[in-house]
Amino acid sequence: AELELAENQIGDEGLKALANSPHLSHLSMLYLYKNEVGDEGARALAESTHLSNLTTLNLCRNNIGEEGTRALKESSHLTNLTTLKLD
């Protein structure tokens, strides 16, 4: 399953809600291009047990810094991720 939410101004709070949704457990591709997401939102994704099937995650054109980048790359839940776009 694929979910495209580019340019929706989701922000960190919206991304936290998304990351906590059990309805996304079968999602393999998530596109969040240009959504005003920062480190807090990236951490929520990294800590989500519902997104462990993701293989592709696009977070380009957001405000994710070093802390959020590290959380995503070191996540014990995003182990199936083969494509992570952050720039």
N, C-alpha and C. Protein backbone atom coordinates (compact mmCIF):
# COMPACT_ATOMS: atom_id res chain seq x y z
N ALA A 1 0.84 -1.19 0.00
CA ALA A 1 0.00 0.00 0.00
C ALA A 1 0.88 1.24 0.00
N GLU A 2 0.40 2.27 -0.63
CA GLU A 2 1.15 3.52 -0.79
C GLU A 2 0.27 4.68 -0.35
N LEU A 3 0.88 5.66 0.35
CA LEU A 3 0.14 6.84 0.79
C LEU A 3 0.93 8.09 0.40
N GLU A 4 0.31 8.94 -0.38
CA GLU A 4 0.92 10.18 -0.88
C GLU A 4 0.23 11.36 -0.20
N LEU A 5 0.98 12.07 0.64
CA LEU A 5 0.44 13.23 1.36
C LEU A 5 1.31 14.47 1.15
N ALA A 6 1.89 14.61 0.00
CA ALA A 6 2.79 15.73 -0.28
C ALA A 6 2.05 17.07 -0.19
N GLU A 7 2.76 18.06 0.33
CA GLU A 7 2.30 19.45 0.40
C GLU A 7 0.94 19.62 1.08
N ASN A 8 0.78 19.01 2.24
CA ASN A 8 -0.47 19.12 2.99
C ASN A 8 -0.31 19.84 4.33
N GLN A 9 0.86 20.37 4.60
CA GLN A 9 1.13 21.12 5.84
C GLN A 9 0.74 20.31 7.08
N ILE A 10 1.11 19.04 7.08
CA ILE A 10 0.78 18.15 8.18
C ILE A 10 1.48 18.57 9.47
N GLY A 11 2.74 18.94 9.37
CA GLY A 11 3.49 19.36 10.55
C GLY A 11 3.77 18.20 11.49
N ASP A 12 4.44 18.52 12.59
CA ASP A 12 4.83 17.50 13.56
C ASP A 12 3.62 16.85 14.24
N GLU A 13 2.64 17.66 14.62
CA GLU A 13 1.46 17.12 15.32
C GLU A 13 0.67 16.16 14.42
N GLY A 14 0.48 16.54 13.17
CA GLY A 14 -0.21 15.66 12.24
C GLY A 14 0.54 14.38 11.99
N LEU A 15 1.86 14.51 11.92
CA LEU A 15 2.68 13.32 11.67
C LEU A 15 2.68 12.39 12.87
N LYS A 16 2.62 12.94 14.08
CA LYS A 16 2.50 12.11 15.28
C LYS A 16 1.22 11.29 15.23
N ALA A 17 0.11 11.94 14.86
CA ALA A 17 -1.17 11.23 14.76
C ALA A 17 -1.09 10.13 13.70
N LEU A 18 -0.49 10.44 12.58
CA LEU A 18 -0.33 9.47 11.51
C LEU A 18 0.52 8.29 11.97
N ALA A 19 1.63 8.57 12.62
CA ALA A 19 2.55 7.53 13.08
C ALA A 19 1.90 6.61 14.11
N ASN A 20 0.92 7.12 14.85
CA ASN A 20 0.26 6.32 15.88
C ASN A 20 -0.96 5.56 15.37
N SER A 21 -1.22 5.64 14.09
CA SER A 21 -2.40 4.98 13.53
C SER A 21 -2.13 3.51 13.19
N PRO A 22 -2.85 2.60 13.81
CA PRO A 22 -2.68 1.18 13.49
C PRO A 22 -3.18 0.84 12.08
N HIS A 23 -3.92 1.74 11.46
CA HIS A 23 -4.45 1.49 10.12
C HIS A 23 -3.36 1.55 9.04
N LEU A 24 -2.17 1.96 9.41
CA LEU A 24 -1.08 2.08 8.43
C LEU A 24 -0.08 0.93 8.51
N SER A 25 -0.45 -0.12 9.20
CA SER A 25 0.50 -1.22 9.42
C SER A 25 0.88 -1.98 8.15
N HIS A 26 0.09 -1.88 7.09
CA HIS A 26 0.42 -2.56 5.84
C HIS A 26 1.05 -1.63 4.81
N LEU A 27 1.31 -0.41 5.21
CA LEU A 27 1.87 0.60 4.31
C LEU A 27 3.32 0.29 3.98
N SER A 28 3.66 0.34 2.69
CA SER A 28 5.06 0.11 2.30
C SER A 28 5.73 1.38 1.78
N MET A 29 4.93 2.32 1.26
CA MET A 29 5.49 3.57 0.74
C MET A 29 4.73 4.76 1.31
N LEU A 30 5.49 5.72 1.85
CA LEU A 30 4.89 6.91 2.45
C LEU A 30 5.61 8.14 1.92
N TYR A 31 4.86 9.03 1.30
CA TYR A 31 5.40 10.24 0.70
C TYR A 31 4.89 11.46 1.46
N LEU A 32 5.80 12.13 2.15
CA LEU A 32 5.47 13.29 2.97
C LEU A 32 6.26 14.52 2.55
N TYR A 33 6.50 14.66 1.28
CA TYR A 33 7.25 15.76 0.70
C TYR A 33 6.61 17.09 1.09
N LYS A 34 7.42 18.03 1.58
CA LYS A 34 7.02 19.42 1.84
C LYS A 34 5.78 19.52 2.73
N ASN A 35 5.95 19.11 4.00
CA ASN A 35 4.85 19.10 4.96
C ASN A 35 5.16 19.80 6.27
N GLU A 36 6.21 20.60 6.31
CA GLU A 36 6.58 21.35 7.52
C GLU A 36 6.85 20.43 8.71
N VAL A 37 7.47 19.29 8.43
CA VAL A 37 7.83 18.32 9.45
C VAL A 37 9.23 18.64 9.97
N GLY A 38 9.39 18.56 11.29
CA GLY A 38 10.70 18.78 11.91
C GLY A 38 11.18 17.53 12.62
N ASP A 39 12.13 17.73 13.53
CA ASP A 39 12.73 16.60 14.26
C ASP A 39 11.70 15.83 15.08
N GLU A 40 10.75 16.53 15.66
CA GLU A 40 9.72 15.89 16.49
C GLU A 40 8.88 14.91 15.66
N GLY A 41 8.49 15.32 14.49
CA GLY A 41 7.73 14.45 13.60
C GLY A 41 8.55 13.27 13.11
N ALA A 42 9.81 13.52 12.81
CA ALA A 42 10.70 12.45 12.37
C ALA A 42 10.88 11.41 13.47
N ARG A 43 11.02 11.87 14.71
CA ARG A 43 11.13 10.95 15.85
C ARG A 43 9.86 10.11 15.99
N ALA A 44 8.70 10.72 15.79
CA ALA A 44 7.44 9.98 15.88
C ALA A 44 7.41 8.86 14.85
N LEU A 45 7.86 9.14 13.64
CA LEU A 45 7.93 8.10 12.61
C LEU A 45 8.90 7.00 13.02
N ALA A 46 10.05 7.40 13.50
CA ALA A 46 11.09 6.44 13.88
C ALA A 46 10.64 5.53 15.01
N GLU A 47 9.79 6.03 15.90
CA GLU A 47 9.35 5.27 17.06
C GLU A 47 8.05 4.50 16.82
N SER A 48 7.45 4.66 15.66
CA SER A 48 6.17 4.03 15.37
C SER A 48 6.30 2.54 15.12
N THR A 49 5.55 1.77 15.88
CA THR A 49 5.52 0.32 15.66
C THR A 49 4.58 -0.03 14.51
N HIS A 50 3.77 0.93 14.07
CA HIS A 50 2.80 0.69 13.00
C HIS A 50 3.39 0.84 11.59
N LEU A 51 4.59 1.38 11.49
CA LEU A 51 5.18 1.64 10.18
C LEU A 51 6.36 0.73 9.87
N SER A 52 6.40 -0.41 10.52
CA SER A 52 7.55 -1.31 10.35
C SER A 52 7.62 -1.96 8.97
N ASN A 53 6.56 -1.89 8.18
CA ASN A 53 6.58 -2.46 6.83
C ASN A 53 7.01 -1.46 5.76
N LEU A 54 7.32 -0.23 6.16
CA LEU A 54 7.74 0.77 5.18
C LEU A 54 9.03 0.36 4.49
N THR A 55 9.04 0.48 3.17
CA THR A 55 10.27 0.28 2.41
C THR A 55 10.74 1.60 1.81
N THR A 56 9.81 2.54 1.60
CA THR A 56 10.14 3.84 1.01
C THR A 56 9.52 4.94 1.84
N LEU A 57 10.34 5.93 2.20
CA LEU A 57 9.89 7.08 2.98
C LEU A 57 10.50 8.33 2.38
N ASN A 58 9.64 9.23 1.90
CA ASN A 58 10.10 10.48 1.29
C ASN A 58 9.72 11.64 2.19
N LEU A 59 10.71 12.29 2.77
CA LEU A 59 10.52 13.44 3.64
C LEU A 59 11.25 14.67 3.10
N CYS A 60 11.45 14.73 1.81
CA CYS A 60 12.16 15.86 1.20
C CYS A 60 11.42 17.18 1.45
N ARG A 61 12.19 18.26 1.49
CA ARG A 61 11.67 19.63 1.63
C ARG A 61 10.89 19.83 2.92
N ASN A 62 11.40 19.28 4.02
CA ASN A 62 10.86 19.50 5.35
C ASN A 62 11.94 20.16 6.19
N ASN A 63 11.72 20.27 7.48
CA ASN A 63 12.67 20.95 8.37
C ASN A 63 13.35 19.96 9.32
N ILE A 64 13.68 18.81 8.82
CA ILE A 64 14.28 17.77 9.66
C ILE A 64 15.78 18.02 9.77
N GLY A 65 16.22 18.11 11.01
CA GLY A 65 17.63 18.37 11.28
C GLY A 65 18.39 17.10 11.61
N GLU A 66 19.53 17.29 12.23
CA GLU A 66 20.42 16.17 12.56
C GLU A 66 19.77 15.17 13.51
N GLU A 67 19.06 15.67 14.51
CA GLU A 67 18.42 14.79 15.49
C GLU A 67 17.36 13.89 14.85
N GLY A 68 16.52 14.47 14.03
CA GLY A 68 15.48 13.70 13.35
C GLY A 68 16.06 12.71 12.36
N THR A 69 17.08 13.14 11.65
CA THR A 69 17.76 12.26 10.69
C THR A 69 18.35 11.06 11.39
N ARG A 70 19.01 11.31 12.50
CA ARG A 70 19.61 10.22 13.28
C ARG A 70 18.54 9.25 13.77
N ALA A 71 17.42 9.78 14.28
CA ALA A 71 16.34 8.93 14.79
C ALA A 71 15.81 8.01 13.69
N LEU A 72 15.63 8.54 12.50
CA LEU A 72 15.13 7.74 11.39
C LEU A 72 16.14 6.66 10.98
N LYS A 73 17.38 7.04 10.88
CA LYS A 73 18.41 6.09 10.43
C LYS A 73 18.70 5.00 11.46
N GLU A 74 18.50 5.31 12.75
CA GLU A 74 18.81 4.35 13.80
C GLU A 74 17.56 3.64 14.35
N SER A 75 16.42 3.87 13.73
CA SER A 75 15.16 3.31 14.21
C SER A 75 15.18 1.78 14.22
N SER A 76 14.73 1.22 15.32
CA SER A 76 14.62 -0.24 15.41
C SER A 76 13.31 -0.73 14.79
N HIS A 77 12.43 0.21 14.39
CA HIS A 77 11.15 -0.16 13.79
C HIS A 77 11.16 -0.03 12.26
N LEU A 78 12.01 0.79 11.72
CA LEU A 78 12.06 1.01 10.27
C LEU A 78 13.12 0.15 9.60
N THR A 79 13.18 -1.10 9.98
CA THR A 79 14.24 -1.99 9.51
C THR A 79 14.05 -2.46 8.07
N ASN A 80 12.86 -2.32 7.52
CA ASN A 80 12.61 -2.72 6.13
C ASN A 80 12.83 -1.57 5.15
N LEU A 81 13.17 -0.41 5.66
CA LEU A 81 13.34 0.78 4.83
C LEU A 81 14.55 0.63 3.91
N THR A 82 14.29 0.71 2.60
CA THR A 82 15.38 0.65 1.62
C THR A 82 15.63 2.01 0.97
N THR A 83 14.61 2.89 1.01
CA THR A 83 14.74 4.22 0.43
C THR A 83 14.26 5.25 1.43
N LEU A 84 15.19 6.14 1.83
CA LEU A 84 14.87 7.24 2.72
C LEU A 84 15.37 8.53 2.07
N LYS A 85 14.43 9.41 1.71
CA LYS A 85 14.78 10.67 1.07
C LYS A 85 14.52 11.81 2.04
N LEU A 86 15.57 12.59 2.30
CA LEU A 86 15.47 13.67 3.27
C LEU A 86 15.84 15.04 2.73
N ASP A 87 16.43 15.17 1.56
CA ASP A 87 16.88 16.49 1.10
C ASP A 87 15.87 17.18 0.23
